[in-house]
Amino acid sequence: MQITLPPHIQSYIKEQIETGRHETEQDVIVDVFEQVMHDYDAMSDPKVLEAIAQADRGETRELTEEVWNEIREQAREDARLGKPIPDDIKY
């Protein structure tokens, strides 16, 4: 497959190689495509789709200290009950 990329994309690829983040042009392109594919997969997750629908309906909450405390308390309770922590939550 042979494609011609616009100059700004070519510059980005060159920059990625010059900074040492990637070794080859192919490495850059594969990395970018894998990230895009991951993002598309995430957007098809039913929980993500429901969250977007809730936001569209205005069912959101301001992220206040009180909300953070509720999240922390729920996490503590889940840990106490031995519920596994999803990989996307761990830090």
C-alpha atoms as a PDB file:
ATOM      1  CA  MET A   1       0.000   0.000   0.000  1.00  0.00           C
ATOM      2  CA  GLN A   2       1.317   3.398  -0.864  1.00  0.00           C
ATOM      3  CA  ILE A   3      -0.238   6.643   0.337  1.00  0.00           C
ATOM      4  CA  THR A   4       0.686  10.305   0.264  1.00  0.00           C
ATOM      5  CA  LEU A   5       0.322  12.115   3.567  1.00  0.00           C
ATOM      6  CA  PRO A   6      -0.249  15.852   3.935  1.00  0.00           C
ATOM      7  CA  PRO A   7       2.780  17.923   4.994  1.00  0.00           C
ATOM      8  CA  HIS A   8       1.608  18.437   8.590  1.00  0.00           C
ATOM      9  CA  ILE A   9       1.304  14.671   9.083  1.00  0.00           C
ATOM     10  CA  GLN A  10       4.730  14.127   7.533  1.00  0.00           C
ATOM     11  CA  SER A  11       6.151  16.726   9.942  1.00  0.00           C
ATOM     12  CA  TYR A  12       4.539  14.978  12.886  1.00  0.00           C
ATOM     13  CA  ILE A  13       6.009  11.635  11.857  1.00  0.00           C
ATOM     14  CA  LYS A  14       9.440  13.175  11.394  1.00  0.00           C
ATOM     15  CA  GLU A  15       9.224  14.845  14.819  1.00  0.00           C
ATOM     16  CA  GLN A  16       8.279  11.547  16.486  1.00  0.00           C
ATOM     17  CA  ILE A  17      11.371   9.888  15.034  1.00  0.00           C
ATOM     18  CA  GLU A  18      13.688  12.831  15.815  1.00  0.00           C
ATOM     19  CA  THR A  19      12.584  12.893  19.463  1.00  0.00           C
ATOM     20  CA  GLY A  20      13.254   9.168  19.756  1.00  0.00           C
ATOM     21  CA  ARG A  21       9.688   8.224  20.536  1.00  0.00           C
ATOM     22  CA  HIS A  22       9.644   5.946  17.490  1.00  0.00           C
ATOM     23  CA  GLU A  23      12.349   4.416  15.347  1.00  0.00           C
ATOM     24  CA  THR A  24      10.646   4.314  11.953  1.00  0.00           C
ATOM     25  CA  GLU A  25       7.836   5.942  10.024  1.00  0.00           C
ATOM     26  CA  GLN A  26       5.941   2.669  10.149  1.00  0.00           C
ATOM     27  CA  ASP A  27       6.237   2.583  13.962  1.00  0.00           C
ATOM     28  CA  VAL A  28       4.629   6.025  14.187  1.00  0.00           C
ATOM     29  CA  ILE A  29       1.780   5.156  11.846  1.00  0.00           C
ATOM     30  CA  VAL A  30       1.051   1.828  13.548  1.00  0.00           C
ATOM     31  CA  ASP A  31       1.070   3.491  16.985  1.00  0.00           C
ATOM     32  CA  VAL A  32      -1.342   6.209  15.862  1.00  0.00           C
ATOM     33  CA  PHE A  33      -3.702   3.722  14.227  1.00  0.00           C
ATOM     34  CA  GLU A  34      -3.698   1.450  17.283  1.00  0.00           C
ATOM     35  CA  GLN A  35      -4.625   4.417  19.475  1.00  0.00           C
ATOM     36  CA  VAL A  36      -7.440   5.417  17.117  1.00  0.00           C
ATOM     37  CA  MET A  37      -8.715   1.846  17.027  1.00  0.00           C
ATOM     38  CA  HIS A  38      -8.629   1.707  20.842  1.00  0.00           C
ATOM     39  CA  ASP A  39     -10.579   4.968  21.038  1.00  0.00           C
ATOM     40  CA  TYR A  40     -13.220   3.654  18.614  1.00  0.00           C
ATOM     41  CA  ASP A  41     -13.514   0.458  20.662  1.00  0.00           C
ATOM     42  CA  ALA A  42     -13.950   2.510  23.836  1.00  0.00           C
ATOM     43  CA  MET A  43     -16.685   4.558  22.190  1.00  0.00           C
ATOM     44  CA  SER A  44     -18.668   1.376  21.495  1.00  0.00           C
ATOM     45  CA  ASP A  45     -18.576   0.315  25.159  1.00  0.00           C
ATOM     46  CA  PRO A  46     -22.175   0.307  26.444  1.00  0.00           C
ATOM     47  CA  LYS A  47     -21.156   2.125  29.645  1.00  0.00           C
ATOM     48  CA  VAL A  48     -19.496   4.895  27.643  1.00  0.00           C
ATOM     49  CA  LEU A  49     -22.494   5.179  25.326  1.00  0.00           C
ATOM     50  CA  GLU A  50     -24.843   5.425  28.313  1.00  0.00           C
ATOM     51  CA  ALA A  51     -22.631   8.085  29.933  1.00  0.00           C
ATOM     52  CA  ILE A  52     -22.725  10.125  26.719  1.00  0.00           C
ATOM     53  CA  ALA A  53     -26.505   9.750  26.535  1.00  0.00           C
ATOM     54  CA  GLN A  54     -26.838  10.875  30.152  1.00  0.00           C
ATOM     55  CA  ALA A  55     -24.681  13.927  29.480  1.00  0.00           C
ATOM     56  CA  ASP A  56     -26.757  14.732  26.387  1.00  0.00           C
ATOM     57  CA  ARG A  57     -29.874  14.624  28.591  1.00  0.00           C
ATOM     58  CA  GLY A  58     -28.237  16.988  31.079  1.00  0.00           C
ATOM     59  CA  GLU A  59     -27.867  14.285  33.730  1.00  0.00           C
ATOM     60  CA  THR A  60     -24.492  15.420  34.973  1.00  0.00           C
ATOM     61  CA  ARG A  61     -23.032  16.488  38.299  1.00  0.00           C
ATOM     62  CA  GLU A  62     -20.393  19.047  39.033  1.00  0.00           C
ATOM     63  CA  LEU A  63     -17.195  17.386  40.216  1.00  0.00           C
ATOM     64  CA  THR A  64     -17.097  18.908  43.698  1.00  0.00           C
ATOM     65  CA  GLU A  65     -15.167  17.831  46.780  1.00  0.00           C
ATOM     66  CA  GLU A  66     -18.372  16.182  47.999  1.00  0.00           C
ATOM     67  CA  VAL A  67     -18.591  14.080  44.833  1.00  0.00           C
ATOM     68  CA  TRP A  68     -14.896  13.115  45.153  1.00  0.00           C
ATOM     69  CA  ASN A  69     -15.586  12.013  48.737  1.00  0.00           C
ATOM     70  CA  GLU A  70     -18.514   9.877  47.537  1.00  0.00           C
ATOM     71  CA  ILE A  71     -16.278   8.264  44.913  1.00  0.00           C
ATOM     72  CA  ARG A  72     -13.552   7.572  47.487  1.00  0.00           C
ATOM     73  CA  GLU A  73     -16.061   6.118  49.945  1.00  0.00           C
ATOM     74  CA  GLN A  74     -17.549   3.862  47.272  1.00  0.00           C
ATOM     75  CA  ALA A  75     -14.039   2.676  46.338  1.00  0.00           C
ATOM     76  CA  ARG A  76     -13.266   1.907  49.994  1.00  0.00           C
ATOM     77  CA  GLU A  77     -16.512  -0.022  50.347  1.00  0.00           C
ATOM     78  CA  ASP A  78     -15.852  -1.968  47.148  1.00  0.00           C
ATOM     79  CA  ALA A  79     -12.345  -2.804  48.397  1.00  0.00           C
ATOM     80  CA  ARG A  80     -13.746  -3.901  51.778  1.00  0.00           C
ATOM     81  CA  LEU A  81     -16.159  -6.223  49.971  1.00  0.00           C
ATOM     82  CA  GLY A  82     -13.325  -7.603  47.865  1.00  0.00           C
ATOM     83  CA  LYS A  83     -14.704  -6.312  44.585  1.00  0.00           C
ATOM     84  CA  PRO A  84     -12.009  -6.252  41.910  1.00  0.00           C
ATOM     85  CA  ILE A  85     -10.805  -2.886  40.691  1.00  0.00           C
ATOM     86  CA  PRO A  86     -11.099  -2.564  36.902  1.00  0.00           C
ATOM     87  CA  ASP A  87      -7.787  -2.017  35.129  1.00  0.00           C
ATOM     88  CA  ASP A  88      -8.954   1.308  33.700  1.00  0.00           C
ATOM     89  CA  ILE A  89      -9.509   2.640  37.232  1.00  0.00           C
ATOM     90  CA  LYS A  90      -6.138   1.671  38.698  1.00  0.00           C
ATOM     91  CA  TYR A  91      -3.390   4.252  38.801  1.00  0.00           C
END
